[in-house]
């Protein structure tokens, strides 16, 4: 497994400092503590989970270019039916690992398919949602080697104006 801490920290610092010249703080509303909390939680989850991160722009470009991958939406079925990334498969996951059942784990592995080297992208609702972390971690723990978490989730996808399947 790769150590992603330097990359995560570098990305966080770049994002945090890129807005310093234009305004005070990262958030337009000046709410730095919630951003810090989410960033640190995300960093810790990435280190623990052993997966990679992908941005909305990177994912959109890969999808537009027709890159072979499986996109897994870990939201409940009702949310999946309302809005999802085109081509995504639904495999609901719990928000916390302690709520993971063998049936959910089996469903995630089934959704990922038998090819352990296939690119897999897991997402949920938004950065602080833990469903995508649980899903991505399960996949890495079961031998999948090219696992990405799309942390902004469907909310970030919509904010970016990227195409939805409804």
Protein backbone atom coordinates (compact mmCIF):
# COMPACT_ATOMS: atom_id res chain seq x y z
CA UNK A 1 0.00 0.00 0.00
CA UNK A 2 1.16 3.46 -0.82
CA UNK A 3 1.58 6.12 1.84
CA UNK A 4 -0.75 8.94 0.82
CA UNK A 5 -0.14 11.28 3.78
CA UNK A 6 2.36 13.55 1.96
CA UNK A 7 0.04 13.91 -1.04
CA UNK A 8 -3.03 14.57 1.11
CA UNK A 9 -1.22 17.13 3.24
CA UNK A 10 0.30 18.84 0.19
CA UNK A 11 -3.12 19.04 -1.47
CA UNK A 12 -4.72 20.42 1.67
CA UNK A 13 -2.00 23.04 2.09
CA UNK A 14 -2.22 24.05 -1.57
CA UNK A 15 -5.99 24.48 -1.29
CA UNK A 16 -5.75 26.32 2.00
CA UNK A 17 -3.07 28.75 0.86
CA UNK A 18 -4.28 29.31 -2.70
CA UNK A 19 -7.08 31.58 -1.51
CA UNK A 20 -5.04 33.58 0.99
CA UNK A 21 -4.27 36.43 -1.38
CA UNK A 22 -7.86 36.91 -2.52
CA UNK A 23 -9.66 36.71 0.82
CA UNK A 24 -9.06 35.86 4.42
CA UNK A 25 -9.36 32.12 4.91
CA UNK A 26 -10.46 29.24 2.74
CA UNK A 27 -14.20 29.61 3.23
CA UNK A 28 -16.06 32.55 1.71
CA UNK A 29 -18.01 32.71 4.98
CA UNK A 30 -14.88 32.56 7.13
CA UNK A 31 -15.72 29.20 8.68
CA UNK A 32 -12.25 27.70 8.90
CA UNK A 33 -12.80 25.27 11.77
CA UNK A 34 -15.37 23.11 9.96
CA UNK A 35 -13.08 23.01 6.92
CA UNK A 36 -10.13 22.04 9.09
CA UNK A 37 -12.15 19.31 10.81
CA UNK A 38 -13.32 17.84 7.49
CA UNK A 39 -9.81 18.05 5.97
CA UNK A 40 -8.18 16.29 8.90
CA UNK A 41 -10.88 13.63 9.03
CA UNK A 42 -10.45 13.02 5.28
CA UNK A 43 -6.65 12.86 5.64
CA UNK A 44 -6.90 10.32 8.43
CA UNK A 45 -9.40 8.21 6.51
CA UNK A 46 -7.17 8.15 3.43
CA UNK A 47 -4.17 7.05 5.49
CA UNK A 48 -6.22 4.35 7.21
CA UNK A 49 -8.01 3.20 4.07
CA UNK A 50 -5.05 2.99 1.71
CA UNK A 51 -6.99 4.31 -1.28
CA UNK A 52 -6.42 7.32 -3.51
CA UNK A 53 -8.47 10.49 -3.96
CA UNK A 54 -9.92 11.85 -7.18
CA UNK A 55 -11.42 15.29 -7.80
CA UNK A 56 -14.64 16.02 -9.64
CA UNK A 57 -12.68 17.47 -12.56
CA UNK A 58 -10.40 14.44 -12.78
CA UNK A 59 -13.33 12.03 -12.63
CA UNK A 60 -15.31 13.98 -15.22
CA UNK A 61 -12.34 13.99 -17.60
CA UNK A 62 -11.79 10.24 -17.20
CA UNK A 63 -15.47 9.55 -17.83
CA UNK A 64 -15.51 11.89 -20.83
CA UNK A 65 -12.46 10.12 -22.27
CA UNK A 66 -14.17 6.75 -21.84
CA UNK A 67 -11.67 5.33 -19.34
CA UNK A 68 -12.62 1.86 -18.21
CA UNK A 69 -13.74 1.99 -14.57
CA UNK A 70 -16.51 1.08 -12.22
CA UNK A 71 -18.13 3.95 -10.34
CA UNK A 72 -19.86 2.88 -7.13
CA UNK A 73 -22.46 5.09 -5.44
CA UNK A 74 -22.72 4.13 -1.77
CA UNK A 75 -25.83 6.19 -1.00
CA UNK A 76 -29.20 4.66 -0.09
CA UNK A 77 -31.34 3.61 -3.07
CA UNK A 78 -33.72 6.60 -2.75
CA UNK A 79 -30.80 9.04 -3.05
CA UNK A 80 -29.35 7.05 -5.95
CA UNK A 81 -32.68 7.27 -7.77
CA UNK A 82 -32.83 11.07 -7.34
CA UNK A 83 -29.38 11.87 -8.70
CA UNK A 84 -26.26 9.92 -9.60
CA UNK A 85 -23.20 10.01 -11.79
CA UNK A 86 -24.01 8.49 -15.18
CA UNK A 87 -23.00 4.84 -15.29
CA UNK A 88 -22.67 4.48 -11.52
CA UNK A 89 -23.88 1.33 -9.81
CA UNK A 90 -25.62 1.54 -6.47
CA UNK A 91 -24.20 -0.34 -3.52
CA UNK A 92 -25.39 1.25 -0.26
CA UNK A 93 -22.82 1.31 2.52
CA UNK A 94 -23.08 2.36 6.15
CA UNK A 95 -21.72 5.69 7.37
CA UNK A 96 -19.44 3.95 9.86
CA UNK A 97 -17.39 0.76 9.70
CA UNK A 98 -18.93 -0.62 12.88
CA UNK A 99 -22.24 -0.89 10.99
CA UNK A 100 -20.74 -2.87 8.09
CA UNK A 101 -22.42 -6.25 7.66
CA UNK A 102 -21.13 -9.29 5.75
CA UNK A 103 -23.98 -8.81 3.25
CA UNK A 104 -22.96 -5.21 2.52
CA UNK A 105 -19.32 -6.26 2.18
CA UNK A 106 -20.30 -9.02 -0.27
CA UNK A 107 -22.41 -6.56 -2.26
CA UNK A 108 -19.47 -4.13 -2.54
CA UNK A 109 -17.18 -6.90 -3.73
CA UNK A 110 -19.79 -8.04 -6.25
CA UNK A 111 -20.23 -4.46 -7.55
CA UNK A 112 -16.43 -4.13 -7.94
CA UNK A 113 -16.23 -7.32 -9.97
CA UNK A 114 -13.53 -9.99 -10.11
CA UNK A 115 -10.75 -7.93 -11.76
CA UNK A 116 -8.61 -6.72 -8.83
CA UNK A 117 -6.67 -4.22 -10.99
CA UNK A 118 -9.74 -2.48 -12.40
CA UNK A 119 -10.11 1.22 -11.61
CA UNK A 120 -12.82 1.69 -8.98
CA UNK A 121 -14.25 5.04 -7.89
CA UNK A 122 -16.39 5.15 -4.77
CA UNK A 123 -18.53 8.13 -3.77
CA UNK A 124 -21.34 9.11 -1.44
CA UNK A 125 -23.04 12.41 -0.64
CA UNK A 126 -20.33 14.89 0.39
CA UNK A 127 -16.88 15.18 1.98
CA UNK A 128 -17.96 14.49 5.58
CA UNK A 129 -20.08 11.47 4.61
CA UNK A 130 -18.34 8.26 5.65
CA UNK A 131 -20.03 5.85 3.24
CA UNK A 132 -17.41 6.24 0.50
CA UNK A 133 -14.61 5.72 3.03
CA UNK A 134 -16.18 2.47 4.23
CA UNK A 135 -16.68 1.26 0.66
CA UNK A 136 -13.20 2.19 -0.57
CA UNK A 137 -11.53 0.68 2.50
CA UNK A 138 -13.40 -2.62 2.05
CA UNK A 139 -12.22 -2.81 -1.55
CA UNK A 140 -8.57 -2.13 -0.67
CA UNK A 141 -8.68 -4.65 2.18
CA UNK A 142 -9.92 -7.25 -0.30
CA UNK A 143 -7.07 -6.83 -2.76
CA UNK A 144 -8.30 -4.20 -5.20
CA UNK A 145 -5.30 -2.10 -6.19
CA UNK A 146 -6.69 0.91 -8.10
CA UNK A 147 -9.30 2.30 -5.70
CA UNK A 148 -10.26 5.97 -5.61
CA UNK A 149 -12.56 7.87 -3.31
CA UNK A 150 -14.38 10.86 -4.78
CA UNK A 151 -14.87 12.81 -1.55
CA UNK A 152 -17.04 15.69 -2.84
CA UNK A 153 -19.68 13.13 -3.71
CA UNK A 154 -22.91 13.80 -5.52
CA UNK A 155 -23.25 17.24 -3.89
CA UNK A 156 -19.87 18.32 -5.27
CA UNK A 157 -20.68 16.75 -8.64
CA UNK A 158 -23.85 18.82 -8.82
CA UNK A 159 -22.07 21.99 -7.63
CA UNK A 160 -19.56 21.53 -10.46
CA UNK A 161 -22.36 21.28 -13.03
CA UNK A 162 -21.26 17.85 -14.18
CA UNK A 163 -23.80 15.59 -15.95
CA UNK A 164 -26.19 13.54 -13.87
CA UNK A 165 -28.22 10.46 -14.63
CA UNK A 166 -31.69 10.81 -13.15
